[in-house]
Amino acid sequence: MEQQAEEQVIIKLYLSKEHIRRFTIPKIASYEDLKSRIIQFYDEVGQTINPSEDLDLQYCDDDNEWTVLRNEDDWYCCKAICPTNIKIRKPSMWMKAQFTYKSGQQAVIQSFNKEKKYLVEKSKQIFSQVNEEFQKLSSNQEVKKLESTMSHAVNDFIETVTPLLQTATNTTCEFISSVENSLKTSASSSEPQLIRTDDVVEEPIDEEEEQLIAQQTVQPTVQGDTMEKSGYVWVLADNEKTQVVAQQQAEPVVETPVVEEPAVIETPEVVEPVAEEQPAAVVETIPEPVVETPVQFAEQMKMLSLMGFTDVQKNIELLTKHNGNLSLVVDALLAM
């Protein structure tokens, strides 16, 4: 009996959705003892219950379903099914608590909507006042004068800047054209280029050979624009393409050795005539056909020429293909 008196049952009482109370009760306690404890907890939360009326309690069984708990027999079954932990609630009070909770939420929502409506009306009132102030300003003569002054200032600025931009554009185009013309002029009026010929190794000459060479004077010939002098060849550069001129080669002089006889009589030297020099072979340059540049690609052709792309036909083909887009044409030329 003493061991049975010490056993306790944990009761989990659901007063409402947000109010759950736990307490212990002896396992031998009667249904009336349980009922008085539950009424006490409801009084603490402000829900008065008459002790004489039926509480209409429920407990949670092993199938997790709520079952009626109205008398001593139900309480005995409840302790048998859930020997240590029992969930109990009062359905009517549970629903009342839920309704009270929902009513509180509705009150909060209604208060929020009321504040929102007030803020909307206040904002409309402020906006209307601002519009009225703007209308007053727009009717003010001083404001109109300020707007007119600002409009004239902006128009004057545009009229001043537009010619400057046009002048800057024209100056840039003229500068590019002058650079191109100066490059062509410098190429056409350049001085003759000095080309060093191969060094000639001179062998020592005897006095007798010097006398023979002095007697045989060979007149140098000048052919075309080429002149040989002191180991240098002067070549006049042409405007478009330099003509390659072959250097004249003088045939060696054939000398007849002097035959000495035992007598004092000297045989005069027999000098064979120098072979006539052949004229230098001039490589003729075939003039390239002149390709007309379309008017719409004139500026692009100038820029391509300054960049070093001189194939006019190829440039026109690529400009026509890419609709005058200079960057695409340059990429295509670099990729070739």
Foldseek 3Di string as FASTA:
>chain_A
DVVQQPDKAWEWEDQEPVDIDIDIDRPPDFPLVVLVVVQVVCVVVPHHDDSVDFQQKWKQFPVRDTDTDTHRVSSVVQCVRRVHYIYMYRVVSHVVRVVVVVVVVVVVVVVVVVVVVVVVVVVVVVVVVVVVVVVVLVPDPVSVVVVVVVVVVVVVVVVVVVVVVVVVVVVVVVVLVVVVVVVLVCLAPPAWDKDADDDDDDDDDDPVVVVVVVVDDDDDDDADQWDDDPRIITFRQHSPHGKDWDDWDFDDWDFDDWDDDPDPDGDDTDGDDGDDTDHIDTDDDDDDDDDDDDPVQVVLVSVCVVVPNPPRVLLRVLCVVVVNPNVVSVVVVVVD
